[in-house]
C-alpha atoms as a PDB file:
ATOM      1  CA  MET A   1      16.754  19.887  91.549  1.00  0.00           C
ATOM      2  CA  PHE A   2      19.826  20.658  88.723  1.00  0.00           C
ATOM      3  CA  TYR A   3      19.605  16.951  87.255  1.00  0.00           C
ATOM      4  CA  LYS A   4      15.824  17.188  87.261  1.00  0.00           C
ATOM      5  CA  ASN A   5      16.188  19.867  84.912  1.00  0.00           C
ATOM      6  CA  ILE A   6      18.517  18.875  82.404  1.00  0.00           C
ATOM      7  CA  LYS A   7      16.613  15.430  81.902  1.00  0.00           C
ATOM      8  CA  ASN A   8      13.260  17.030  81.417  1.00  0.00           C
ATOM      9  CA  HIS A   9      15.299  19.051  78.981  1.00  0.00           C
ATOM     10  CA  ALA A  10      17.087  16.441  77.226  1.00  0.00           C
ATOM     11  CA  GLN A  11      13.272  14.299  76.975  1.00  0.00           C
ATOM     12  CA  GLU A  12      11.706  17.703  75.273  1.00  0.00           C
ATOM     13  CA  PHE A  13      14.661  17.950  72.752  1.00  0.00           C
ATOM     14  CA  LEU A  14      14.359  14.164  71.858  1.00  0.00           C
ATOM     15  CA  ASN A  15      10.725  14.716  71.494  1.00  0.00           C
ATOM     16  CA  LYS A  16      11.203  16.783  68.937  1.00  0.00           C
ATOM     17  CA  TYR A  17      13.340  13.796  66.717  1.00  0.00           C
ATOM     18  CA  LYS A  18      10.975  11.248  68.240  1.00  0.00           C
ATOM     19  CA  LYS A  19       8.536  12.733  65.848  1.00  0.00           C
ATOM     20  CA  ASP A  20      10.758  13.804  62.867  1.00  0.00           C
ATOM     21  CA  ASN A  21      11.915   9.812  62.081  1.00  0.00           C
ATOM     22  CA  PRO A  22      14.095   7.047  63.049  1.00  0.00           C
ATOM     23  CA  THR A  23      17.058   8.714  62.258  1.00  0.00           C
ATOM     24  CA  SER A  24      16.890  11.827  63.652  1.00  0.00           C
ATOM     25  CA  PHE A  25      16.088  10.143  66.733  1.00  0.00           C
ATOM     26  CA  ALA A  26      19.046   7.488  66.493  1.00  0.00           C
ATOM     27  CA  ALA A  27      21.480  10.486  66.121  1.00  0.00           C
ATOM     28  CA  ALA A  28      20.137  12.513  69.032  1.00  0.00           C
ATOM     29  CA  GLN A  29      19.697   9.662  71.964  1.00  0.00           C
ATOM     30  CA  GLN A  30      23.630   9.741  70.786  1.00  0.00           C
ATOM     31  CA  ALA A  31      24.506  12.860  70.579  1.00  0.00           C
ATOM     32  CA  ILE A  32      22.781  14.092  73.592  1.00  0.00           C
ATOM     33  CA  GLY A  33      23.838  10.757  75.630  1.00  0.00           C
ATOM     34  CA  GLY A  34      26.898  11.408  74.589  1.00  0.00           C
ATOM     35  CA  LEU A  35      27.373  14.866  75.821  1.00  0.00           C
ATOM     36  CA  LEU A  36      25.183  14.147  79.102  1.00  0.00           C
ATOM     37  CA  ILE A  37      28.035  11.761  79.812  1.00  0.00           C
ATOM     38  CA  LEU A  38      30.958  13.917  78.755  1.00  0.00           C
ATOM     39  CA  ASP A  39      29.573  16.679  81.305  1.00  0.00           C
ATOM     40  CA  GLY A  40      29.036  14.072  83.813  1.00  0.00           C
ATOM     41  CA  PHE A  41      32.700  13.295  83.739  1.00  0.00           C
ATOM     42  CA  VAL A  42      34.520  16.705  83.243  1.00  0.00           C
ATOM     43  CA  GLY A  43      32.195  19.233  82.792  1.00  0.00           C
ATOM     44  CA  ILE A  44      31.756  21.256  79.878  1.00  0.00           C
ATOM     45  CA  ASP A  45      32.642  24.862  79.485  1.00  0.00           C
ATOM     46  CA  ASN A  46      30.452  27.287  81.177  1.00  0.00           C
ATOM     47  CA  PRO A  47      30.220  30.544  79.462  1.00  0.00           C
ATOM     48  CA  LEU A  48      29.993  32.442  82.316  1.00  0.00           C
ATOM     49  CA  ALA A  49      33.540  34.289  83.719  1.00  0.00           C
ATOM     50  CA  GLY A  50      34.961  31.729  81.443  1.00  0.00           C
ATOM     51  CA  LYS A  51      34.764  28.636  83.972  1.00  0.00           C
ATOM     52  CA  LYS A  52      34.179  24.892  83.681  1.00  0.00           C
ATOM     53  CA  ARG A  53      31.192  23.325  85.634  1.00  0.00           C
ATOM     54  CA  SER A  54      32.686  20.735  87.898  1.00  0.00           C
ATOM     55  CA  GLY A  55      32.388  17.448  86.668  1.00  0.00           C
ATOM     56  CA  ILE A  56      32.268  14.008  88.529  1.00  0.00           C
ATOM     57  CA  PHE A  57      36.232  14.155  88.699  1.00  0.00           C
ATOM     58  CA  GLY A  58      36.167  17.884  90.417  1.00  0.00           C
ATOM     59  CA  SER A  59      33.441  16.468  92.763  1.00  0.00           C
ATOM     60  CA  LEU A  60      35.583  13.977  93.747  1.00  0.00           C
ATOM     61  CA  PHE A  61      38.393  16.500  94.433  1.00  0.00           C
ATOM     62  CA  GLY A  62      36.565  18.604  96.423  1.00  0.00           C
ATOM     63  CA  ILE A  63      35.045  15.981  98.886  1.00  0.00           C
ATOM     64  CA  ALA A  64      39.046  15.412  99.813  1.00  0.00           C
ATOM     65  CA  PHE A  65      39.807  19.221  99.936  1.00  0.00           C
ATOM     66  CA  GLY A  66      36.629  19.290 102.323  1.00  0.00           C
ATOM     67  CA  LEU A  67      37.384  16.475 104.442  1.00  0.00           C
ATOM     68  CA  PHE A  68      40.969  17.358 105.013  1.00  0.00           C
ATOM     69  CA  PHE A  69      39.725  21.485 106.076  1.00  0.00           C
ATOM     70  CA  ILE A  70      37.660  19.218 108.792  1.00  0.00           C
ATOM     71  CA  PHE A  71      40.379  17.206 109.998  1.00  0.00           C
ATOM     72  CA  GLY A  72      43.273  19.989 109.307  1.00  0.00           C
ATOM     73  CA  ALA A  73      42.688  21.705 112.176  1.00  0.00           C
ATOM     74  CA  GLY A  74      43.207  18.749 114.520  1.00  0.00           C
ATOM     75  CA  LEU A  75      46.406  18.093 112.568  1.00  0.00           C
ATOM     76  CA  ILE A  76      47.543  21.729 112.488  1.00  0.00           C
ATOM     77  CA  SER A  77      46.677  21.983 116.398  1.00  0.00           C
ATOM     78  CA  ASN A  78      48.905  18.387 116.803  1.00  0.00           C
ATOM     79  CA  PHE A  79      52.063  19.566 114.903  1.00  0.00           C
ATOM     80  CA  SER A  80      52.249  22.690 115.706  1.00  0.00           C
ATOM     81  CA  GLY A  81      51.854  21.680 119.643  1.00  0.00           C
ATOM     82  CA  ILE A  82      48.697  24.367 120.176  1.00  0.00           C
ATOM     83  CA  ASN A  83      47.254  22.470 122.180  1.00  0.00           C
ATOM     84  CA  LYS A  84      49.666  21.645 124.386  1.00  0.00           C
ATOM     85  CA  LEU A  85      50.178  25.377 125.327  1.00  0.00           C
ATOM     86  CA  THR A  86      47.252  24.862 128.560  1.00  0.00           C
ATOM     87  CA  ALA A  87      49.166  27.408 130.714  1.00  0.00           C
ATOM     88  CA  VAL A  88      49.116  31.020 130.841  1.00  0.00           C
ATOM     89  CA  THR A  89      50.994  33.472 132.146  1.00  0.00           C
ATOM     90  CA  SER A  90      52.251  36.870 132.102  1.00  0.00           C
ATOM     91  CA  ALA A  91      55.159  38.421 129.898  1.00  0.00           C
ATOM     92  CA  THR A  92      56.960  41.726 128.807  1.00  0.00           C
ATOM     93  CA  VAL A  93      57.330  42.297 125.482  1.00  0.00           C
ATOM     94  CA  VAL A  94      61.138  42.376 124.652  1.00  0.00           C
ATOM     95  CA  GLY A  95      60.891  42.768 120.712  1.00  0.00           C
ATOM     96  CA  VAL A  96      58.379  42.430 117.954  1.00  0.00           C
ATOM     97  CA  SER A  97      59.073  41.168 113.959  1.00  0.00           C
ATOM     98  CA  GLN A  98      58.719  42.975 111.146  1.00  0.00           C
ATOM     99  CA  PRO A  99      55.162  42.442 109.840  1.00  0.00           C
ATOM    100  CA  THR A 100      54.506  40.050 107.280  1.00  0.00           C
ATOM    101  CA  TYR A 101      52.497  40.759 104.728  1.00  0.00           C
ATOM    102  CA  THR A 102      50.214  39.013 102.778  1.00  0.00           C
ATOM    103  CA  ASP A 103      46.976  39.596 100.069  1.00  0.00           C
ATOM    104  CA  SER A 104      43.430  39.618 101.477  1.00  0.00           C
ATOM    105  CA  SER A 105      40.796  37.916  99.713  1.00  0.00           C
ATOM    106  CA  SER A 106      39.191  41.148  99.298  1.00  0.00           C
ATOM    107  CA  ASN A 107      38.809  43.336  95.959  1.00  0.00           C
ATOM    108  CA  ASP A 108      40.178  46.415  97.024  1.00  0.00           C
ATOM    109  CA  GLY A 109      43.953  45.242  97.001  1.00  0.00           C
ATOM    110  CA  SER A 110      44.749  45.107 100.867  1.00  0.00           C
ATOM    111  CA  ARG A 111      46.821  43.192 102.469  1.00  0.00           C
ATOM    112  CA  SER A 112      47.141  41.417 106.038  1.00  0.00           C
ATOM    113  CA  SER A 113      50.114  41.097 107.947  1.00  0.00           C
ATOM    114  CA  SER A 114      51.147  38.735 110.702  1.00  0.00           C
ATOM    115  CA  CYS A 115      54.325  39.441 113.858  1.00  0.00           C
ATOM    116  CA  THR A 116      56.127  37.210 116.230  1.00  0.00           C
ATOM    117  CA  VAL A 117      56.643  38.857 119.257  1.00  0.00           C
ATOM    118  CA  GLN A 118      59.983  37.839 121.488  1.00  0.00           C
ATOM    119  CA  ALA A 119      58.817  38.095 125.218  1.00  0.00           C
ATOM    120  CA  LYS A 120      60.505  37.956 128.536  1.00  0.00           C
ATOM    121  CA  TYR A 121      58.743  35.656 131.698  1.00  0.00           C
ATOM    122  CA  THR A 122      59.034  33.500 134.382  1.00  0.00           C
ATOM    123  CA  VAL A 123      57.838  30.194 135.254  1.00  0.00           C
ATOM    124  CA  ASN A 124      59.006  27.950 138.659  1.00  0.00           C
ATOM    125  CA  GLY A 125      61.073  30.633 139.046  1.00  0.00           C
ATOM    126  CA  LYS A 126      62.940  30.366 135.786  1.00  0.00           C
ATOM    127  CA  GLU A 127      63.350  33.533 133.629  1.00  0.00           C
ATOM    128  CA  TYR A 128      62.578  32.585 129.906  1.00  0.00           C
ATOM    129  CA  SER A 129      63.261  34.747 126.844  1.00  0.00           C
ATOM    130  CA  GLN A 130      61.462  33.330 124.160  1.00  0.00           C
ATOM    131  CA  THR A 131      59.727  34.422 120.381  1.00  0.00           C
ATOM    132  CA  SER A 132      56.305  32.946 120.085  1.00  0.00           C
ATOM    133  CA  THR A 133      55.660  29.939 117.968  1.00  0.00           C
ATOM    134  CA  SER A 134      53.129  31.366 115.576  1.00  0.00           C
ATOM    135  CA  GLY A 135      52.620  34.802 114.670  1.00  0.00           C
ATOM    136  CA  SER A 136      49.083  37.211 114.372  1.00  0.00           C
ATOM    137  CA  SER A 137      48.013  40.324 113.266  1.00  0.00           C
ATOM    138  CA  SER A 138      47.546  41.437 116.859  1.00  0.00           C
ATOM    139  CA  ALA A 139      50.874  41.380 117.674  1.00  0.00           C
ATOM    140  CA  CYS A 140      52.058  43.865 114.749  1.00  0.00           C
ATOM    141  CA  SER A 141      50.162  46.591 117.528  1.00  0.00           C
ATOM    142  CA  LEU A 142      52.605  45.563 120.143  1.00  0.00           C
ATOM    143  CA  THR A 143      55.442  47.379 122.150  1.00  0.00           C
ATOM    144  CA  ARG A 144      58.862  47.329 123.704  1.00  0.00           C
ATOM    145  CA  GLY A 145      57.816  46.854 127.384  1.00  0.00           C
ATOM    146  CA  GLN A 146      54.526  46.575 127.370  1.00  0.00           C
ATOM    147  CA  SER A 147      52.517  43.501 129.491  1.00  0.00           C
ATOM    148  CA  ILE A 148      50.665  41.102 127.979  1.00  0.00           C
ATOM    149  CA  SER A 149      49.083  37.605 128.662  1.00  0.00           C
ATOM    150  CA  ILE A 150      50.759  34.417 126.921  1.00  0.00           C
ATOM    151  CA  ASN A 151      49.960  30.666 126.853  1.00  0.00           C
ATOM    152  CA  TYR A 152      53.031  28.157 127.239  1.00  0.00           C
ATOM    153  CA  ASP A 153      53.510  24.572 127.617  1.00  0.00           C
ATOM    154  CA  PRO A 154      53.950  23.642 131.195  1.00  0.00           C
ATOM    155  CA  ASN A 155      56.070  20.612 130.203  1.00  0.00           C
ATOM    156  CA  SER A 156      58.323  22.877 127.626  1.00  0.00           C
ATOM    157  CA  PRO A 157      58.077  26.570 129.341  1.00  0.00           C
ATOM    158  CA  GLY A 158      59.917  28.099 126.270  1.00  0.00           C
ATOM    159  CA  ALA A 159      57.176  27.235 123.584  1.00  0.00           C
ATOM    160  CA  PHE A 160      54.485  30.059 124.024  1.00  0.00           C
ATOM    161  CA  ALA A 161      51.811  31.552 121.649  1.00  0.00           C
ATOM    162  CA  TYR A 162      50.056  35.218 122.036  1.00  0.00           C
ATOM    163  CA  ASP A 163      46.556  35.593 121.216  1.00  0.00           C
ATOM    164  CA  LEU A 164      45.948  31.996 121.150  1.00  0.00           C
ATOM    165  CA  ASN A 165      42.383  32.464 121.559  1.00  0.00           C
ATOM    166  CA  SER A 166      42.284  34.327 117.952  1.00  0.00           C
ATOM    167  CA  LEU A 167      44.043  31.512 116.203  1.00  0.00           C
ATOM    168  CA  LYS A 168      41.921  28.845 117.857  1.00  0.00           C
ATOM    169  CA  THR A 169      39.001  30.397 116.558  1.00  0.00           C
ATOM    170  CA  VAL A 170      40.349  30.494 113.366  1.00  0.00           C
ATOM    171  CA  LEU A 171      40.901  26.659 113.088  1.00  0.00           C
ATOM    172  CA  LYS A 172      37.193  26.119 114.594  1.00  0.00           C
ATOM    173  CA  ILE A 173      36.008  27.409 111.312  1.00  0.00           C
ATOM    174  CA  PHE A 174      38.453  24.892 109.475  1.00  0.00           C
ATOM    175  CA  PRO A 175      35.646  22.187 109.867  1.00  0.00           C
ATOM    176  CA  ILE A 176      32.612  24.107 109.452  1.00  0.00           C
ATOM    177  CA  ALA A 177      34.308  25.286 105.850  1.00  0.00           C
ATOM    178  CA  GLY A 178      34.916  21.857 105.391  1.00  0.00           C
ATOM    179  CA  ALA A 179      31.734  19.978 105.792  1.00  0.00           C
ATOM    180  CA  ILE A 180      29.999  22.782 103.247  1.00  0.00           C
ATOM    181  CA  VAL A 181      32.444  21.597 100.634  1.00  0.00           C
ATOM    182  CA  VAL A 182      31.933  18.099 102.030  1.00  0.00           C
ATOM    183  CA  VAL A 183      27.940  18.499 101.162  1.00  0.00           C
ATOM    184  CA  LEU A 184      27.992  20.510  97.948  1.00  0.00           C
ATOM    185  CA  SER A 185      30.519  18.405  96.241  1.00  0.00           C
ATOM    186  CA  SER A 186      28.276  14.869  97.636  1.00  0.00           C
ATOM    187  CA  ILE A 187      25.345  16.967  96.091  1.00  0.00           C
ATOM    188  CA  ASN A 188      27.621  17.337  92.607  1.00  0.00           C
ATOM    189  CA  PHE A 189      28.236  14.236  92.789  1.00  0.00           C
ATOM    190  CA  VAL A 190      25.609  12.553  92.445  1.00  0.00           C
ATOM    191  CA  ILE A 191      24.033  15.104  90.139  1.00  0.00           C
ATOM    192  CA  ARG A 192      27.035  14.135  87.803  1.00  0.00           C
ATOM    193  CA  LEU A 193      26.774  10.046  88.495  1.00  0.00           C
ATOM    194  CA  LEU A 194      23.119  10.128  87.370  1.00  0.00           C
ATOM    195  CA  SER A 195      23.923  12.408  84.412  1.00  0.00           C
ATOM    196  CA  ILE A 196      26.603  10.059  83.229  1.00  0.00           C
ATOM    197  CA  ILE A 197      24.082   6.810  83.812  1.00  0.00           C
ATOM    198  CA  PHE A 198      21.337   8.498  81.907  1.00  0.00           C
ATOM    199  CA  GLY A 199      23.694   9.614  78.853  1.00  0.00           C
ATOM    200  CA  TRP A 200      24.464   6.435  78.953  1.00  0.00           C
ATOM    201  CA  LYS A 201      21.372   4.922  78.515  1.00  0.00           C
ATOM    202  CA  LEU A 202      20.333   7.125  76.278  1.00  0.00           C
ATOM    203  CA  LEU A 203      23.611   6.412  73.938  1.00  0.00           C
ATOM    204  CA  LYS A 204      23.203   2.536  74.118  1.00  0.00           C
ATOM    205  CA  SER A 205      19.138   3.290  73.361  1.00  0.00           C
ATOM    206  CA  GLY A 206      20.364   5.172  70.236  1.00  0.00           C
ATOM    207  CA  ARG A 207      23.361   3.010  68.861  1.00  0.00           C
ATOM    208  CA  ALA A 208      20.296  -0.391  69.256  1.00  0.00           C
ATOM    209  CA  LEU A 209      17.744   1.805  67.078  1.00  0.00           C
ATOM    210  CA  ALA A 210      20.890   2.775  64.720  1.00  0.00           C
ATOM    211  CA  LYS A 211      21.255  -0.960  63.817  1.00  0.00           C
ATOM    212  CA  THR A 212      17.827  -1.196  62.279  1.00  0.00           C
ATOM    213  CA  LEU A 213      18.199   1.304  60.029  1.00  0.00           C
ATOM    214  CA  PRO A 214      18.973   0.332  56.209  1.00  0.00           C
ATOM    215  CA  ALA A 215      22.341  -0.490  55.657  1.00  0.00           C
ATOM    216  CA  GLY A 216      24.939   2.561  54.820  1.00  0.00           C
ATOM    217  CA  THR A 217      22.804   4.945  57.082  1.00  0.00           C
ATOM    218  CA  ASP A 218      25.446   7.505  58.363  1.00  0.00           C
ATOM    219  CA  LEU A 219      24.792   9.321  61.623  1.00  0.00           C
ATOM    220  CA  SER A 220      27.775  11.229  62.153  1.00  0.00           C
ATOM    221  CA  THR A 221      26.603  14.183  60.611  1.00  0.00           C
ATOM    222  CA  LEU A 222      23.483  14.407  62.036  1.00  0.00           C
ATOM    223  CA  ILE A 223      24.972  13.395  65.812  1.00  0.00           C
ATOM    224  CA  ASN A 224      27.176  16.711  65.210  1.00  0.00           C
ATOM    225  CA  GLU A 225      24.424  19.149  64.423  1.00  0.00           C
ATOM    226  CA  ILE A 226      22.076  17.607  67.227  1.00  0.00           C
ATOM    227  CA  LYS A 227      25.264  17.952  69.582  1.00  0.00           C
ATOM    228  CA  GLN A 228      25.815  21.479  68.945  1.00  0.00           C
ATOM    229  CA  ASN A 229      22.447  22.318  69.266  1.00  0.00           C
ATOM    230  CA  PHE A 230      21.795  20.652  72.566  1.00  0.00           C
ATOM    231  CA  ALA A 231      24.805  22.090  73.815  1.00  0.00           C
ATOM    232  CA  LYS A 232      23.899  25.434  72.759  1.00  0.00           C
ATOM    233  CA  SER A 233      20.264  25.130  73.944  1.00  0.00           C
ATOM    234  CA  ILE A 234      21.464  23.832  77.709  1.00  0.00           C
ATOM    235  CA  PHE A 235      24.575  24.525  78.209  1.00  0.00           C
ATOM    236  CA  GLY A 236      25.468  27.489  75.974  1.00  0.00           C
ATOM    237  CA  VAL A 237      28.172  26.648  74.191  1.00  0.00           C
ATOM    238  CA  GLU A 238      29.609  25.123  71.090  1.00  0.00           C
ATOM    239  CA  VAL A 239      30.798  21.887  70.821  1.00  0.00           C
ATOM    240  CA  ASN A 240      31.729  21.903  66.626  1.00  0.00           C
ATOM    241  CA  SER A 241      31.653  24.747  64.619  1.00  0.00           C
ATOM    242  CA  GLU A 242      31.783  22.752  61.647  1.00  0.00           C
ATOM    243  CA  ILE A 243      27.937  21.226  61.403  1.00  0.00           C
ATOM    244  CA  PRO A 244      25.823  21.784  58.704  1.00  0.00           C
ATOM    245  CA  THR A 245      22.085  23.500  59.003  1.00  0.00           C
ATOM    246  CA  GLN A 246      20.429  20.902  56.612  1.00  0.00           C
ATOM    247  CA  ILE A 247      19.185  17.487  58.797  1.00  0.00           C
ATOM    248  CA  PRO A 248      18.857  14.858  56.236  1.00  0.00           C
ATOM    249  CA  LYS A 249      15.743  12.502  55.527  1.00  0.00           C
ATOM    250  CA  THR A 250      15.336   8.815  56.385  1.00  0.00           C
ATOM    251  CA  PRO A 251      16.939   7.609  53.215  1.00  0.00           C
ATOM    252  CA  LYS A 252      14.366   5.242  51.235  1.00  0.00           C
ATOM    253  CA  PRO A 253      15.606   1.558  50.717  1.00  0.00           C
ATOM    254  CA  PRO A 254      16.324   1.204  47.029  1.00  0.00           C
ATOM    255  CA  SER A 255      13.030  -0.025  44.700  1.00  0.00           C
ATOM    256  CA  LYS A 256      12.933  -3.284  42.937  1.00  0.00           C
ATOM    257  CA  LYS A 257      12.855  -3.501  39.647  1.00  0.00           C
END
């Protein structure tokens, strides 16, 4: 839909110059084609919040980032050993670490905390006193001597985690978020690719038409002006501030004496 809107807007813009003269039309095709190619590759400045619209390279980065999220949960589980913590037992809290604070994504300036817990428990007649392999916010509310349920690795009972279900829930969100990013970035990639192709066709057509104009015809000033007009019209930005306002007419061939 976004590409269709840009294409329709470009066609309407071109039609104004097509009715004028070949010089204006050739310049318009090159100006608009060049802008669409630029926007397709890197994205032209968006005045909203001073941000840039993502170009095709940004889309590729988004796809890669989304794929990392999709497969990242499995990698984290494997490297951290979380997937090996399959056994459950009761333990007694020996101590809780000082909270580690991180800034949350909310706008109220709040911070989230995470604590690790040291617990004492017995597996196969052997007593262990270990610190959890991962921290959690729920561990910060634990007190010394409190009885808790932990998950541990049956092949290596010294590795355990508290509130493992919450951590697993977070990891389950990763693939979903990654899939959404991949889909949105892929759509944007297709839009940008179509914009580049359409822009290249316009640029090529404009250059071909320019070759048919009288020798010595200079389109640079007109191209710059149309670039600014089109950029303001569709992107809301200026691409060149030093552009004259008058559009030159098609030069007349020299009269024969």
